[in-house]
Amino acid sequence: MGITHIVLFQFKADASPESINDISRRMLALKDGCIHPTSKKPYIKSASGGTDNSPEGAQNGITHAFIVEFENAEDRDYYVDKDPFHNEFKKRAGTILEKVIVVDFTNGEFKL
């Protein structure tokens, strides 16, 4: 079963609109920039995201959401721990992010 990786961003109050747009574009560009060490090909199945537009008021400061899908846990684990393109992104993004929330799940699995 695939892994869905949800990433939620709250940017620092002094982050410029240009830097927020840059990081958002770079987040989506991870799909093509993250290369599998064995196949030498991109391994992220899909990536999507956008700015919050919920009227519920329950965002708690989160303004941007992204969904990244992986074929398996091994690919997700490589992405999280070792991928140099992703690691470089995290360093850059960390300079303007106030808070990051990450939740991963396998569709339909609800075990603890």
PDB file of N, CA and C in Angstrom:
ATOM      1  N   MET A   1       0.839  -1.188   0.000  1.00  0.00           N
ATOM      2  CA  MET A   1       0.000   0.000   0.000  1.00  0.00           C
ATOM      3  C   MET A   1       0.882   1.250   0.000  1.00  0.00           C
ATOM      4  N   GLY A   2       0.406   2.268  -0.666  1.00  0.00           N
ATOM      5  CA  GLY A   2       1.124   3.536  -0.720  1.00  0.00           C
ATOM      6  C   GLY A   2       1.049   4.304   0.589  1.00  0.00           C
ATOM      7  N   ILE A   3       1.917   5.288   0.680  1.00  0.00           N
ATOM      8  CA  ILE A   3       1.978   6.163   1.847  1.00  0.00           C
ATOM      9  C   ILE A   3       1.595   7.575   1.417  1.00  0.00           C
ATOM     10  N   THR A   4       0.648   8.174   2.131  1.00  0.00           N
ATOM     11  CA  THR A   4       0.286   9.573   1.920  1.00  0.00           C
ATOM     12  C   THR A   4       0.967  10.390   3.008  1.00  0.00           C
ATOM     13  N   HIS A   5       1.685  11.412   2.576  1.00  0.00           N
ATOM     14  CA  HIS A   5       2.518  12.256   3.453  1.00  0.00           C
ATOM     15  C   HIS A   5       1.925  13.669   3.396  1.00  0.00           C
ATOM     16  N   ILE A   6       1.331  14.105   4.500  1.00  0.00           N
ATOM     17  CA  ILE A   6       0.709  15.429   4.565  1.00  0.00           C
ATOM     18  C   ILE A   6       1.640  16.371   5.308  1.00  0.00           C
ATOM     19  N   VAL A   7       1.898  17.531   4.709  1.00  0.00           N
ATOM     20  CA  VAL A   7       2.798  18.518   5.296  1.00  0.00           C
ATOM     21  C   VAL A   7       2.048  19.847   5.396  1.00  0.00           C
ATOM     22  N   LEU A   8       2.029  20.426   6.595  1.00  0.00           N
ATOM     23  CA  LEU A   8       1.326  21.682   6.849  1.00  0.00           C
ATOM     24  C   LEU A   8       2.328  22.727   7.326  1.00  0.00           C
ATOM     25  N   PHE A   9       2.258  23.924   6.736  1.00  0.00           N
ATOM     26  CA  PHE A   9       3.206  24.994   7.060  1.00  0.00           C
ATOM     27  C   PHE A   9       2.518  26.186   7.696  1.00  0.00           C
ATOM     28  N   GLN A  10       3.183  26.750   8.693  1.00  0.00           N
ATOM     29  CA  GLN A  10       2.895  28.086   9.193  1.00  0.00           C
ATOM     30  C   GLN A  10       4.182  28.871   8.994  1.00  0.00           C
ATOM     31  N   PHE A  11       4.117  29.953   8.261  1.00  0.00           N
ATOM     32  CA  PHE A  11       5.294  30.762   7.982  1.00  0.00           C
ATOM     33  C   PHE A  11       5.499  31.794   9.086  1.00  0.00           C
ATOM     34  N   LYS A  12       6.753  32.200   9.267  1.00  0.00           N
ATOM     35  CA  LYS A  12       7.063  33.250  10.226  1.00  0.00           C
ATOM     36  C   LYS A  12       6.355  34.538   9.811  1.00  0.00           C
ATOM     37  N   ALA A  13       6.017  35.346  10.791  1.00  0.00           N
ATOM     38  CA  ALA A  13       5.263  36.578  10.538  1.00  0.00           C
ATOM     39  C   ALA A  13       5.992  37.518   9.588  1.00  0.00           C
ATOM     40  N   ASP A  14       7.327  37.490   9.592  1.00  0.00           N
ATOM     41  CA  ASP A  14       8.075  38.402   8.734  1.00  0.00           C
ATOM     42  C   ASP A  14       8.459  37.797   7.380  1.00  0.00           C
ATOM     43  N   ALA A  15       7.948  36.610   7.069  1.00  0.00           N
ATOM     44  CA  ALA A  15       8.238  35.992   5.766  1.00  0.00           C
ATOM     45  C   ALA A  15       7.553  36.790   4.661  1.00  0.00           C
ATOM     46  N   SER A  16       8.301  37.106   3.633  1.00  0.00           N
ATOM     47  CA  SER A  16       7.741  37.897   2.530  1.00  0.00           C
ATOM     48  C   SER A  16       6.867  37.017   1.638  1.00  0.00           C
ATOM     49  N   PRO A  17       5.900  37.610   0.957  1.00  0.00           N
ATOM     50  CA  PRO A  17       5.083  36.846   0.012  1.00  0.00           C
ATOM     51  C   PRO A  17       5.947  36.143  -1.046  1.00  0.00           C
ATOM     52  N   GLU A  18       7.025  36.790  -1.469  1.00  0.00           N
ATOM     53  CA  GLU A  18       7.907  36.190  -2.475  1.00  0.00           C
ATOM     54  C   GLU A  18       8.586  34.933  -1.932  1.00  0.00           C
ATOM     55  N   SER A  19       9.057  34.993  -0.690  1.00  0.00           N
ATOM     56  CA  SER A  19       9.732  33.832  -0.117  1.00  0.00           C
ATOM     57  C   SER A  19       8.734  32.700   0.160  1.00  0.00           C
ATOM     58  N   ILE A  20       7.522  33.039   0.548  1.00  0.00           N
ATOM     59  CA  ILE A  20       6.481  32.026   0.760  1.00  0.00           C
ATOM     60  C   ILE A  20       6.152  31.343  -0.561  1.00  0.00           C
ATOM     61  N   ASN A  21       5.987  32.114  -1.621  1.00  0.00           N
ATOM     62  CA  ASN A  21       5.714  31.525  -2.937  1.00  0.00           C
ATOM     63  C   ASN A  21       6.879  30.666  -3.407  1.00  0.00           C
ATOM     64  N   ASP A  22       8.107  31.118  -3.157  1.00  0.00           N
ATOM     65  CA  ASP A  22       9.286  30.354  -3.562  1.00  0.00           C
ATOM     66  C   ASP A  22       9.323  29.000  -2.862  1.00  0.00           C
ATOM     67  N   ILE A  23       9.132  28.991  -1.551  1.00  0.00           N
ATOM     68  CA  ILE A  23       9.163  27.731  -0.807  1.00  0.00           C
ATOM     69  C   ILE A  23       8.013  26.830  -1.237  1.00  0.00           C
ATOM     70  N   SER A  24       6.855  27.383  -1.487  1.00  0.00           N
ATOM     71  CA  SER A  24       5.712  26.581  -1.927  1.00  0.00           C
ATOM     72  C   SER A  24       6.001  25.926  -3.276  1.00  0.00           C
ATOM     73  N   ARG A  25       6.563  26.687  -4.199  1.00  0.00           N
ATOM     74  CA  ARG A  25       6.927  26.119  -5.508  1.00  0.00           C
ATOM     75  C   ARG A  25       8.003  25.048  -5.352  1.00  0.00           C
ATOM     76  N   ARG A  26       8.965  25.307  -4.480  1.00  0.00           N
ATOM     77  CA  ARG A  26      10.034  24.326  -4.251  1.00  0.00           C
ATOM     78  C   ARG A  26       9.486  23.044  -3.615  1.00  0.00           C
ATOM     79  N   MET A  27       8.507  23.195  -2.747  1.00  0.00           N
ATOM     80  CA  MET A  27       7.891  22.009  -2.136  1.00  0.00           C
ATOM     81  C   MET A  27       7.288  21.121  -3.215  1.00  0.00           C
ATOM     82  N   LEU A  28       6.564  21.713  -4.150  1.00  0.00           N
ATOM     83  CA  LEU A  28       5.964  20.929  -5.221  1.00  0.00           C
ATOM     84  C   LEU A  28       7.024  20.387  -6.177  1.00  0.00           C
ATOM     85  N   ALA A  29       8.132  21.098  -6.333  1.00  0.00           N
ATOM     86  CA  ALA A  29       9.206  20.659  -7.236  1.00  0.00           C
ATOM     87  C   ALA A  29       9.959  19.442  -6.692  1.00  0.00           C
ATOM     88  N   LEU A  30       9.756  19.101  -5.424  1.00  0.00           N
ATOM     89  CA  LEU A  30      10.397  17.912  -4.874  1.00  0.00           C
ATOM     90  C   LEU A  30       9.997  16.667  -5.666  1.00  0.00           C
ATOM     91  N   LYS A  31       8.794  16.663  -6.223  1.00  0.00           N
ATOM     92  CA  LYS A  31       8.317  15.505  -6.992  1.00  0.00           C
ATOM     93  C   LYS A  31       9.283  15.125  -8.102  1.00  0.00           C
ATOM     94  N   ASP A  32       9.810  16.095  -8.790  1.00  0.00           N
ATOM     95  CA  ASP A  32      10.724  15.811  -9.899  1.00  0.00           C
ATOM     96  C   ASP A  32      12.190  15.892  -9.503  1.00  0.00           C
ATOM     97  N   GLY A  33      12.491  16.564  -8.399  1.00  0.00           N
ATOM     98  CA  GLY A  33      13.876  16.748  -7.994  1.00  0.00           C
ATOM     99  C   GLY A  33      14.427  15.659  -7.097  1.00  0.00           C
ATOM    100  N   CYS A  34      13.557  14.923  -6.427  1.00  0.00           N
ATOM    101  CA  CYS A  34      14.012  13.834  -5.566  1.00  0.00           C
ATOM    102  C   CYS A  34      14.220  12.589  -6.428  1.00  0.00           C
ATOM    103  N   ILE A  35      15.459  12.128  -6.467  1.00  0.00           N
ATOM    104  CA  ILE A  35      15.840  11.022  -7.344  1.00  0.00           C
ATOM    105  C   ILE A  35      16.199   9.799  -6.502  1.00  0.00           C
ATOM    106  N   HIS A  36      15.629   8.657  -6.875  1.00  0.00           N
ATOM    107  CA  HIS A  36      15.892   7.408  -6.157  1.00  0.00           C
ATOM    108  C   HIS A  36      17.347   6.996  -6.360  1.00  0.00           C
ATOM    109  N   PRO A  37      18.042   6.573  -5.299  1.00  0.00           N
ATOM    110  CA  PRO A  37      19.462   6.262  -5.417  1.00  0.00           C
ATOM    111  C   PRO A  37      19.760   5.047  -6.299  1.00  0.00           C
ATOM    112  N   THR A  38      18.808   4.138  -6.437  1.00  0.00           N
ATOM    113  CA  THR A  38      19.029   2.937  -7.242  1.00  0.00           C
ATOM    114  C   THR A  38      18.560   3.120  -8.675  1.00  0.00           C
ATOM    115  N   SER A  39      17.311   3.556  -8.844  1.00  0.00           N
ATOM    116  CA  SER A  39      16.754   3.685 -10.200  1.00  0.00           C
ATOM    117  C   SER A  39      17.240   4.936 -10.921  1.00  0.00           C
ATOM    118  N   LYS A  40      17.700   5.916 -10.145  1.00  0.00           N
ATOM    119  CA  LYS A  40      18.134   7.218 -10.696  1.00  0.00           C
ATOM    120  C   LYS A  40      16.975   7.956 -11.376  1.00  0.00           C
ATOM    121  N   LYS A  41      15.759   7.693 -10.901  1.00  0.00           N
ATOM    122  CA  LYS A  41      14.556   8.341 -11.434  1.00  0.00           C
ATOM    123  C   LYS A  41      13.761   8.950 -10.282  1.00  0.00           C
ATOM    124  N   PRO A  42      12.913   9.933 -10.586  1.00  0.00           N
ATOM    125  CA  PRO A  42      12.043  10.468  -9.538  1.00  0.00           C
ATOM    126  C   PRO A  42      11.172   9.349  -8.956  1.00  0.00           C
ATOM    127  N   TYR A  43      10.952   9.385  -7.667  1.00  0.00           N
ATOM    128  CA  TYR A  43      10.210   8.311  -7.006  1.00  0.00           C
ATOM    129  C   TYR A  43       8.959   8.793  -6.270  1.00  0.00           C
ATOM    130  N   ILE A  44       8.709  10.076  -6.229  1.00  0.00           N
ATOM    131  CA  ILE A  44       7.475  10.573  -5.619  1.00  0.00           C
ATOM    132  C   ILE A  44       6.353  10.381  -6.628  1.00  0.00           C
ATOM    133  N   LYS A  45       5.293   9.682  -6.217  1.00  0.00           N
ATOM    134  CA  LYS A  45       4.189   9.388  -7.134  1.00  0.00           C
ATOM    135  C   LYS A  45       3.409  10.637  -7.519  1.00  0.00           C
ATOM    136  N   SER A  46       3.120  11.490  -6.540  1.00  0.00           N
ATOM    137  CA  SER A  46       2.368  12.714  -6.821  1.00  0.00           C
ATOM    138  C   SER A  46       2.631  13.728  -5.722  1.00  0.00           C
ATOM    139  N   ALA A  47       2.413  14.987  -6.073  1.00  0.00           N
ATOM    140  CA  ALA A  47       2.550  16.076  -5.102  1.00  0.00           C
ATOM    141  C   ALA A  47       1.541  17.152  -5.459  1.00  0.00           C
ATOM    142  N   SER A  48       0.838  17.637  -4.459  1.00  0.00           N
ATOM    143  CA  SER A  48      -0.122  18.720  -4.659  1.00  0.00           C
ATOM    144  C   SER A  48      -0.114  19.599  -3.419  1.00  0.00           C
ATOM    145  N   GLY A  49      -0.643  20.790  -3.564  1.00  0.00           N
ATOM    146  CA  GLY A  49      -0.686  21.674  -2.412  1.00  0.00           C
ATOM    147  C   GLY A  49      -1.288  23.008  -2.752  1.00  0.00           C
ATOM    148  N   GLY A  50      -1.502  23.806  -1.718  1.00  0.00           N
ATOM    149  CA  GLY A  50      -2.052  25.128  -1.913  1.00  0.00           C
ATOM    150  C   GLY A  50      -2.222  25.868  -0.600  1.00  0.00           C
ATOM    151  N   THR A  51      -2.756  27.078  -0.723  1.00  0.00           N
ATOM    152  CA  THR A  51      -3.004  27.934   0.428  1.00  0.00           C
ATOM    153  C   THR A  51      -4.359  27.597   1.037  1.00  0.00           C
ATOM    154  N   ASP A  52      -4.419  27.581   2.350  1.00  0.00           N
ATOM    155  CA  ASP A  52      -5.661  27.289   3.060  1.00  0.00           C
ATOM    156  C   ASP A  52      -6.775  28.236   2.626  1.00  0.00           C
ATOM    157  N   ASN A  53      -7.957  27.691   2.437  1.00  0.00           N
ATOM    158  CA  ASN A  53      -9.135  28.519   2.160  1.00  0.00           C
ATOM    159  C   ASN A  53     -10.356  28.039   2.938  1.00  0.00           C
ATOM    160  N   SER A  54     -10.109  27.350   4.062  1.00  0.00           N
ATOM    161  CA  SER A  54     -11.211  26.835   4.867  1.00  0.00           C
ATOM    162  C   SER A  54     -11.908  27.954   5.639  1.00  0.00           C
ATOM    163  N   PRO A  55     -13.238  27.964   5.657  1.00  0.00           N
ATOM    164  CA  PRO A  55     -13.972  28.959   6.430  1.00  0.00           C
ATOM    165  C   PRO A  55     -14.169  28.560   7.898  1.00  0.00           C
ATOM    166  N   GLU A  56     -13.670  27.378   8.306  1.00  0.00           N
ATOM    167  CA  GLU A  56     -13.952  26.872   9.646  1.00  0.00           C
ATOM    168  C   GLU A  56     -13.185  27.572  10.762  1.00  0.00           C
ATOM    169  N   GLY A  57     -12.052  28.182  10.455  1.00  0.00           N
ATOM    170  CA  GLY A  57     -11.289  28.875  11.484  1.00  0.00           C
ATOM    171  C   GLY A  57     -10.533  27.965  12.434  1.00  0.00           C
ATOM    172  N   ALA A  58     -10.265  26.740  12.026  1.00  0.00           N
ATOM    173  CA  ALA A  58      -9.572  25.785  12.900  1.00  0.00           C
ATOM    174  C   ALA A  58      -8.141  25.521  12.436  1.00  0.00           C
ATOM    175  N   GLN A  59      -7.535  26.458  11.734  1.00  0.00           N
ATOM    176  CA  GLN A  59      -6.211  26.248  11.151  1.00  0.00           C
ATOM    177  C   GLN A  59      -5.075  26.386  12.155  1.00  0.00           C
ATOM    178  N   ASN A  60      -5.279  27.072  13.246  1.00  0.00           N
ATOM    179  CA  ASN A  60      -4.248  27.254  14.271  1.00  0.00           C
ATOM    180  C   ASN A  60      -2.938  27.780  13.687  1.00  0.00           C
ATOM    181  N   GLY A  61      -3.035  28.725  12.762  1.00  0.00           N
ATOM    182  CA  GLY A  61      -1.848  29.348  12.184  1.00  0.00           C
ATOM    183  C   GLY A  61      -1.337  28.701  10.912  1.00  0.00           C
ATOM    184  N   ILE A  62      -1.814  27.521  10.592  1.00  0.00           N
ATOM    185  CA  ILE A  62      -1.388  26.830   9.369  1.00  0.00           C
ATOM    186  C   ILE A  62      -1.997  27.547   8.167  1.00  0.00           C
ATOM    187  N   THR A  63      -1.155  27.845   7.176  1.00  0.00           N
ATOM    188  CA  THR A  63      -1.632  28.575   5.993  1.00  0.00           C
ATOM    189  C   THR A  63      -1.463  27.805   4.687  1.00  0.00           C
ATOM    190  N   HIS A  64      -0.575  26.797   4.662  1.00  0.00           N
ATOM    191  CA  HIS A  64      -0.289  26.067   3.425  1.00  0.00           C
ATOM    192  C   HIS A  64      -0.286  24.569   3.708  1.00  0.00           C
ATOM    193  N   ALA A  65      -0.858  23.793   2.788  1.00  0.00           N
ATOM    194  CA  ALA A  65      -0.933  22.344   2.942  1.00  0.00           C
ATOM    195  C   ALA A  65      -0.430  21.667   1.675  1.00  0.00           C
ATOM    196  N   PHE A  66       0.257  20.539   1.869  1.00  0.00           N
ATOM    197  CA  PHE A  66       0.806  19.766   0.759  1.00  0.00           C
ATOM    198  C   PHE A  66       0.556  18.288   0.995  1.00  0.00           C
ATOM    199  N   ILE A  67       0.298  17.570  -0.082  1.00  0.00           N
ATOM    200  CA  ILE A  67       0.132  16.125  -0.021  1.00  0.00           C
ATOM    201  C   ILE A  67       1.127  15.507  -0.994  1.00  0.00           C
ATOM    202  N   VAL A  68       1.960  14.609  -0.461  1.00  0.00           N
ATOM    203  CA  VAL A  68       2.968  13.908  -1.255  1.00  0.00           C
ATOM    204  C   VAL A  68       2.684  12.421  -1.117  1.00  0.00           C
ATOM    205  N   GLU A  69       2.650  11.720  -2.243  1.00  0.00           N
ATOM    206  CA  GLU A  69       2.357  10.287  -2.204  1.00  0.00           C
ATOM    207  C   GLU A  69       3.570   9.470  -2.633  1.00  0.00           C
ATOM    208  N   PHE A  70       3.810   8.402  -1.859  1.00  0.00           N
ATOM    209  CA  PHE A  70       4.906   7.480  -2.118  1.00  0.00           C
ATOM    210  C   PHE A  70       4.354   6.085  -2.388  1.00  0.00           C
ATOM    211  N   GLU A  71       5.085   5.315  -3.164  1.00  0.00           N
ATOM    212  CA  GLU A  71       4.698   3.938  -3.477  1.00  0.00           C
ATOM    213  C   GLU A  71       4.742   3.049  -2.244  1.00  0.00           C
ATOM    214  N   ASN A  72       5.725   3.318  -1.361  1.00  0.00           N
ATOM    215  CA  ASN A  72       5.917   2.445  -0.207  1.00  0.00           C
ATOM    216  C   ASN A  72       6.650   3.183   0.910  1.00  0.00           C
ATOM    217  N   ALA A  73       6.713   2.533   2.067  1.00  0.00           N
ATOM    218  CA  ALA A  73       7.358   3.137   3.228  1.00  0.00           C
ATOM    219  C   ALA A  73       8.853   3.319   3.011  1.00  0.00           C
ATOM    220  N   GLU A  74       9.476   2.447   2.255  1.00  0.00           N
ATOM    221  CA  GLU A  74      10.916   2.563   2.002  1.00  0.00           C
ATOM    222  C   GLU A  74      11.235   3.857   1.258  1.00  0.00           C
ATOM    223  N   ASP A  75      10.431   4.175   0.232  1.00  0.00           N
ATOM    224  CA  ASP A  75      10.641   5.424  -0.502  1.00  0.00           C
ATOM    225  C   ASP A  75      10.408   6.629   0.401  1.00  0.00           C
ATOM    226  N   ARG A  76       9.351   6.578   1.211  1.00  0.00           N
ATOM    227  CA  ARG A  76       9.070   7.671   2.142  1.00  0.00           C
ATOM    228  C   ARG A  76      10.211   7.848   3.133  1.00  0.00           C
ATOM    229  N   ASP A  77      10.720   6.735   3.648  1.00  0.00           N
ATOM    230  CA  ASP A  77      11.802   6.803   4.628  1.00  0.00           C
ATOM    231  C   ASP A  77      13.078   7.387   4.016  1.00  0.00           C
ATOM    232  N   TYR A  78      13.380   7.018   2.772  1.00  0.00           N
ATOM    233  CA  TYR A  78      14.541   7.588   2.097  1.00  0.00           C
ATOM    234  C   TYR A  78      14.358   9.095   1.949  1.00  0.00           C
ATOM    235  N   TYR A  79      13.177   9.510   1.542  1.00  0.00           N
ATOM    236  CA  TYR A  79      12.843  10.928   1.377  1.00  0.00           C
ATOM    237  C   TYR A  79      13.048  11.681   2.686  1.00  0.00           C
ATOM    238  N   VAL A  80      12.519  11.155   3.754  1.00  0.00           N
ATOM    239  CA  VAL A  80      12.566  11.829   5.050  1.00  0.00           C
ATOM    240  C   VAL A  80      13.990  11.893   5.611  1.00  0.00           C
ATOM    241  N   ASP A  81      14.733  10.807   5.490  1.00  0.00           N
ATOM    242  CA  ASP A  81      16.015  10.704   6.173  1.00  0.00           C
ATOM    243  C   ASP A  81      17.258  10.979   5.331  1.00  0.00           C
ATOM    244  N   LYS A  82      17.211  10.684   4.021  1.00  0.00           N
ATOM    245  CA  LYS A  82      18.461  10.670   3.262  1.00  0.00           C
ATOM    246  C   LYS A  82      18.477  11.469   1.975  1.00  0.00           C
ATOM    247  N   ASP A  83      17.348  11.760   1.388  1.00  0.00           N
ATOM    248  CA  ASP A  83      17.358  12.390   0.068  1.00  0.00           C
ATOM    249  C   ASP A  83      18.039  13.758   0.128  1.00  0.00           C
ATOM    250  N   PRO A  84      19.138  13.954  -0.609  1.00  0.00           N
ATOM    251  CA  PRO A  84      19.860  15.226  -0.522  1.00  0.00           C
ATOM    252  C   PRO A  84      19.057  16.418  -1.046  1.00  0.00           C
ATOM    253  N   PHE A  85      18.222  16.202  -2.058  1.00  0.00           N
ATOM    254  CA  PHE A  85      17.408  17.295  -2.597  1.00  0.00           C
ATOM    255  C   PHE A  85      16.379  17.745  -1.558  1.00  0.00           C
ATOM    256  N   HIS A  86      15.762  16.785  -0.881  1.00  0.00           N
ATOM    257  CA  HIS A  86      14.792  17.093   0.173  1.00  0.00           C
ATOM    258  C   HIS A  86      15.493  17.734   1.371  1.00  0.00           C
ATOM    259  N   ASN A  87      16.667  17.234   1.727  1.00  0.00           N
ATOM    260  CA  ASN A  87      17.399  17.817   2.858  1.00  0.00           C
ATOM    261  C   ASN A  87      17.762  19.275   2.593  1.00  0.00           C
ATOM    262  N   GLU A  88      18.159  19.593   1.384  1.00  0.00           N
ATOM    263  CA  GLU A  88      18.471  20.973   1.027  1.00  0.00           C
ATOM    264  C   GLU A  88      17.214  21.848   1.112  1.00  0.00           C
ATOM    265  N   PHE A  89      16.089  21.310   0.648  1.00  0.00           N
ATOM    266  CA  PHE A  89      14.820  22.037   0.754  1.00  0.00           C
ATOM    267  C   PHE A  89      14.497  22.337   2.215  1.00  0.00           C
ATOM    268  N   LYS A  90      14.649  21.344   3.092  1.00  0.00           N
ATOM    269  CA  LYS A  90      14.328  21.536   4.510  1.00  0.00           C
ATOM    270  C   LYS A  90      15.175  22.646   5.119  1.00  0.00           C
ATOM    271  N   LYS A  91      16.442  22.706   4.758  1.00  0.00           N
ATOM    272  CA  LYS A  91      17.307  23.770   5.276  1.00  0.00           C
ATOM    273  C   LYS A  91      16.799  25.139   4.836  1.00  0.00           C
ATOM    274  N   ARG A  92      16.492  25.270   3.563  1.00  0.00           N
ATOM    275  CA  ARG A  92      16.027  26.555   3.023  1.00  0.00           C
ATOM    276  C   ARG A  92      14.677  26.936   3.641  1.00  0.00           C
ATOM    277  N   ALA A  93      13.754  25.994   3.670  1.00  0.00           N
ATOM    278  CA  ALA A  93      12.418  26.270   4.196  1.00  0.00           C
ATOM    279  C   ALA A  93      12.468  26.612   5.678  1.00  0.00           C
ATOM    280  N   GLY A  94      13.365  25.976   6.402  1.00  0.00           N
ATOM    281  CA  GLY A  94      13.472  26.201   7.839  1.00  0.00           C
ATOM    282  C   GLY A  94      13.768  27.638   8.215  1.00  0.00           C
ATOM    283  N   THR A  95      14.322  28.402   7.283  1.00  0.00           N
ATOM    284  CA  THR A  95      14.644  29.795   7.588  1.00  0.00           C
ATOM    285  C   THR A  95      13.409  30.684   7.659  1.00  0.00           C
ATOM    286  N   ILE A  96      12.287  30.256   7.072  1.00  0.00           N
ATOM    287  CA  ILE A  96      11.085  31.102   7.080  1.00  0.00           C
ATOM    288  C   ILE A  96       9.856  30.410   7.675  1.00  0.00           C
ATOM    289  N   LEU A  97      10.021  29.187   8.166  1.00  0.00           N
ATOM    290  CA  LEU A  97       8.887  28.467   8.741  1.00  0.00           C
ATOM    291  C   LEU A  97       8.828  28.635  10.252  1.00  0.00           C
ATOM    292  N   GLU A  98       7.646  28.917  10.740  1.00  0.00           N
ATOM    293  CA  GLU A  98       7.386  28.994  12.174  1.00  0.00           C
ATOM    294  C   GLU A  98       7.051  27.613  12.725  1.00  0.00           C
ATOM    295  N   LYS A  99       6.224  26.870  11.964  1.00  0.00           N
ATOM    296  CA  LYS A  99       5.749  25.567  12.426  1.00  0.00           C
ATOM    297  C   LYS A  99       5.526  24.668  11.216  1.00  0.00           C
ATOM    298  N   VAL A 100       5.861  23.387  11.392  1.00  0.00           N
ATOM    299  CA  VAL A 100       5.600  22.368  10.380  1.00  0.00           C
ATOM    300  C   VAL A 100       4.913  21.208  11.075  1.00  0.00           C
ATOM    301  N   ILE A 101       3.841  20.722  10.481  1.00  0.00           N
ATOM    302  CA  ILE A 101       3.158  19.529  10.973  1.00  0.00           C
ATOM    303  C   ILE A 101       3.204  18.506   9.844  1.00  0.00           C
ATOM    304  N   VAL A 102       3.598  17.286  10.182  1.00  0.00           N
ATOM    305  CA  VAL A 102       3.660  16.217   9.193  1.00  0.00           C
ATOM    306  C   VAL A 102       2.864  15.030   9.717  1.00  0.00           C
ATOM    307  N   VAL A 103       1.989  14.494   8.874  1.00  0.00           N
ATOM    308  CA  VAL A 103       1.208  13.301   9.205  1.00  0.00           C
ATOM    309  C   VAL A 103       1.296  12.371   8.008  1.00  0.00           C
ATOM    310  N   ASP A 104       1.661  11.118   8.253  1.00  0.00           N
ATOM    311  CA  ASP A 104       1.705  10.107   7.202  1.00  0.00           C
ATOM    312  C   ASP A 104       0.676   9.030   7.518  1.00  0.00           C
ATOM    313  N   PHE A 105       0.087   8.464   6.462  1.00  0.00           N
ATOM    314  CA  PHE A 105      -0.831   7.361   6.689  1.00  0.00           C
ATOM    315  C   PHE A 105      -0.903   6.458   5.465  1.00  0.00           C
ATOM    316  N   THR A 106      -1.347   5.236   5.722  1.00  0.00           N
ATOM    317  CA  THR A 106      -1.689   4.294   4.668  1.00  0.00           C
ATOM    318  C   THR A 106      -3.206   4.252   4.642  1.00  0.00           C
ATOM    319  N   ASN A 107      -3.781   4.495   3.479  1.00  0.00           N
ATOM    320  CA  ASN A 107      -5.227   4.590   3.346  1.00  0.00           C
ATOM    321  C   ASN A 107      -5.930   3.331   3.900  1.00  0.00           C
ATOM    322  N   GLY A 108      -6.876   3.552   4.790  1.00  0.00           N
ATOM    323  CA  GLY A 108      -7.674   2.471   5.348  1.00  0.00           C
ATOM    324  C   GLY A 108      -7.078   1.777   6.555  1.00  0.00           C
ATOM    325  N   GLU A 109      -5.850   2.103   6.952  1.00  0.00           N
ATOM    326  CA  GLU A 109      -5.246   1.478   8.131  1.00  0.00           C
ATOM    327  C   GLU A 109      -5.487   2.353   9.349  1.00  0.00           C
ATOM    328  N   PHE A 110      -6.072   1.777  10.382  1.00  0.00           N
ATOM    329  CA  PHE A 110      -6.416   2.531  11.582  1.00  0.00           C
ATOM    330  C   PHE A 110      -5.895   1.884  12.850  1.00  0.00           C
ATOM    331  N   LYS A 111      -4.878   1.073  12.743  1.00  0.00           N
ATOM    332  CA  LYS A 111      -4.319   0.410  13.931  1.00  0.00           C
ATOM    333  C   LYS A 111      -3.412   1.352  14.693  1.00  0.00           C
ATOM    334  N   LEU A 112      -3.279   1.131  15.975  1.00  0.00           N
ATOM    335  CA  LEU A 112      -2.398   1.920  16.827  1.00  0.00           C
ATOM    336  C   LEU A 112      -1.098   1.185  17.066  1.00  0.00           C
TER     337      LEU A 112
END
